């Protein structure tokens, strides 16, 4: 990953937003880093010491989010998002 300057976003070769620092919605000394799998699905979000990870099922639907040791399971009815449980 390249170093960021002037609060500009950094994109990977697939066009996925990979990192941004400072700016309108992010504290000036914080960098947000996003990770993706080979299917270009977001699998991680890191901001400071906070890391959120995501898992997906074989059909490509996001199934869980883990943040600060707490797991939320996303509930689907076919391809219709219903909600989440902890």
C-alpha atoms as a PDB file:
ATOM      1  CA  UNK A   1       0.000   0.000   0.000  1.00  0.00           C
ATOM      2  CA  UNK A   2       1.207   3.491  -0.790  1.00  0.00           C
ATOM      3  CA  UNK A   3       1.430   6.162   1.863  1.00  0.00           C
ATOM      4  CA  UNK A   4      -1.459   8.578   1.846  1.00  0.00           C
ATOM      5  CA  UNK A   5      -1.060  12.294   1.483  1.00  0.00           C
ATOM      6  CA  UNK A   6      -3.427  15.267   1.454  1.00  0.00           C
ATOM      7  CA  UNK A   7      -6.276  13.098   2.797  1.00  0.00           C
ATOM      8  CA  UNK A   8      -6.681  11.432  -0.584  1.00  0.00           C
ATOM      9  CA  UNK A   9      -8.164   7.948  -0.794  1.00  0.00           C
ATOM     10  CA  UNK A  10      -6.066   5.032  -2.025  1.00  0.00           C
ATOM     11  CA  UNK A  11      -7.609   2.385  -4.286  1.00  0.00           C
ATOM     12  CA  UNK A  12      -6.270  -1.079  -5.111  1.00  0.00           C
ATOM     13  CA  UNK A  13      -5.896  -2.337  -8.688  1.00  0.00           C
ATOM     14  CA  UNK A  14      -9.488  -3.654  -8.624  1.00  0.00           C
ATOM     15  CA  UNK A  15     -10.874  -0.222  -7.771  1.00  0.00           C
ATOM     16  CA  UNK A  16     -11.638  -1.062  -4.125  1.00  0.00           C
ATOM     17  CA  UNK A  17     -11.154   1.728  -1.597  1.00  0.00           C
ATOM     18  CA  UNK A  18      -8.185   0.470   0.396  1.00  0.00           C
ATOM     19  CA  UNK A  19      -7.306   3.340   2.721  1.00  0.00           C
ATOM     20  CA  UNK A  20      -8.013   6.949   3.576  1.00  0.00           C
ATOM     21  CA  UNK A  21      -6.683   9.214   6.299  1.00  0.00           C
ATOM     22  CA  UNK A  22      -8.133  12.360   7.765  1.00  0.00           C
ATOM     23  CA  UNK A  23     -10.828  14.301   5.989  1.00  0.00           C
ATOM     24  CA  UNK A  24     -14.425  15.261   6.620  1.00  0.00           C
ATOM     25  CA  UNK A  25     -15.579  12.103   8.429  1.00  0.00           C
ATOM     26  CA  UNK A  26     -12.289  10.732   9.784  1.00  0.00           C
ATOM     27  CA  UNK A  27     -10.180  12.227  12.582  1.00  0.00           C
ATOM     28  CA  UNK A  28      -7.091  13.873  11.087  1.00  0.00           C
ATOM     29  CA  UNK A  29      -4.629  11.490  12.759  1.00  0.00           C
ATOM     30  CA  UNK A  30      -6.602   8.337  11.959  1.00  0.00           C
ATOM     31  CA  UNK A  31      -6.209   6.087   8.956  1.00  0.00           C
ATOM     32  CA  UNK A  32      -8.981   3.763   7.873  1.00  0.00           C
ATOM     33  CA  UNK A  33      -7.789   0.633   6.087  1.00  0.00           C
ATOM     34  CA  UNK A  34     -10.091  -1.765   4.261  1.00  0.00           C
ATOM     35  CA  UNK A  35      -9.274  -5.341   3.208  1.00  0.00           C
ATOM     36  CA  UNK A  36     -10.902  -7.415   0.470  1.00  0.00           C
ATOM     37  CA  UNK A  37     -10.958 -11.065  -0.556  1.00  0.00           C
ATOM     38  CA  UNK A  38     -10.351 -12.387  -4.074  1.00  0.00           C
ATOM     39  CA  UNK A  39     -14.053 -11.854  -4.857  1.00  0.00           C
ATOM     40  CA  UNK A  40     -13.672  -8.123  -3.995  1.00  0.00           C
ATOM     41  CA  UNK A  41     -15.834  -8.485  -0.886  1.00  0.00           C
ATOM     42  CA  UNK A  42     -14.824  -6.352   2.075  1.00  0.00           C
ATOM     43  CA  UNK A  43     -13.389  -8.626   4.777  1.00  0.00           C
ATOM     44  CA  UNK A  44     -11.909  -6.092   7.190  1.00  0.00           C
ATOM     45  CA  UNK A  45     -12.146  -2.495   8.356  1.00  0.00           C
ATOM     46  CA  UNK A  46      -9.427  -1.090  10.589  1.00  0.00           C
ATOM     47  CA  UNK A  47      -9.575   2.334  12.204  1.00  0.00           C
ATOM     48  CA  UNK A  48      -6.979   2.985  14.852  1.00  0.00           C
ATOM     49  CA  UNK A  49      -7.043   0.029  17.266  1.00  0.00           C
ATOM     50  CA  UNK A  50     -10.532  -1.040  16.165  1.00  0.00           C
ATOM     51  CA  UNK A  51     -10.711  -3.950  13.730  1.00  0.00           C
ATOM     52  CA  UNK A  52     -13.958  -5.254  12.261  1.00  0.00           C
ATOM     53  CA  UNK A  53     -13.927  -8.457  10.202  1.00  0.00           C
ATOM     54  CA  UNK A  54     -16.607  -9.851   7.919  1.00  0.00           C
ATOM     55  CA  UNK A  55     -17.390 -13.370   6.683  1.00  0.00           C
ATOM     56  CA  UNK A  56     -19.451 -14.467   3.698  1.00  0.00           C
ATOM     57  CA  UNK A  57     -21.292 -17.612   2.671  1.00  0.00           C
ATOM     58  CA  UNK A  58     -20.768 -19.459  -0.598  1.00  0.00           C
ATOM     59  CA  UNK A  59     -23.601 -17.465  -2.173  1.00  0.00           C
ATOM     60  CA  UNK A  60     -21.718 -14.212  -1.494  1.00  0.00           C
ATOM     61  CA  UNK A  61     -23.993 -12.868   1.236  1.00  0.00           C
ATOM     62  CA  UNK A  62     -22.328 -11.317   4.267  1.00  0.00           C
ATOM     63  CA  UNK A  63     -22.987 -13.661   7.206  1.00  0.00           C
ATOM     64  CA  UNK A  64     -21.152 -12.148  10.177  1.00  0.00           C
ATOM     65  CA  UNK A  65     -19.364  -9.119  11.564  1.00  0.00           C
ATOM     66  CA  UNK A  66     -16.875  -9.361  14.426  1.00  0.00           C
ATOM     67  CA  UNK A  67     -15.901  -6.191  16.318  1.00  0.00           C
ATOM     68  CA  UNK A  68     -14.226  -5.929  19.704  1.00  0.00           C
ATOM     69  CA  UNK A  69     -14.795  -9.636  20.334  1.00  0.00           C
ATOM     70  CA  UNK A  70     -18.535  -9.379  19.695  1.00  0.00           C
ATOM     71  CA  UNK A  71     -20.040 -11.291  16.764  1.00  0.00           C
ATOM     72  CA  UNK A  72     -23.180 -10.202  14.935  1.00  0.00           C
ATOM     73  CA  UNK A  73     -24.793 -12.757  12.623  1.00  0.00           C
ATOM     74  CA  UNK A  74     -26.671 -11.396   9.641  1.00  0.00           C
ATOM     75  CA  UNK A  75     -30.003 -13.073   8.896  1.00  0.00           C
ATOM     76  CA  UNK A  76     -31.234 -13.517   5.333  1.00  0.00           C
ATOM     77  CA  UNK A  77     -34.436 -14.828   3.761  1.00  0.00           C
ATOM     78  CA  UNK A  78     -33.067 -15.950   0.407  1.00  0.00           C
ATOM     79  CA  UNK A  79     -31.341 -12.806  -0.844  1.00  0.00           C
ATOM     80  CA  UNK A  80     -33.492 -10.490   1.315  1.00  0.00           C
ATOM     81  CA  UNK A  81     -31.679  -9.015   4.343  1.00  0.00           C
ATOM     82  CA  UNK A  82     -33.840  -9.453   7.476  1.00  0.00           C
ATOM     83  CA  UNK A  83     -31.615  -8.204  10.305  1.00  0.00           C
ATOM     84  CA  UNK A  84     -28.866  -9.309  12.643  1.00  0.00           C
ATOM     85  CA  UNK A  85     -28.478 -11.110  15.939  1.00  0.00           C
ATOM     86  CA  UNK A  86     -25.718 -10.922  18.536  1.00  0.00           C
END
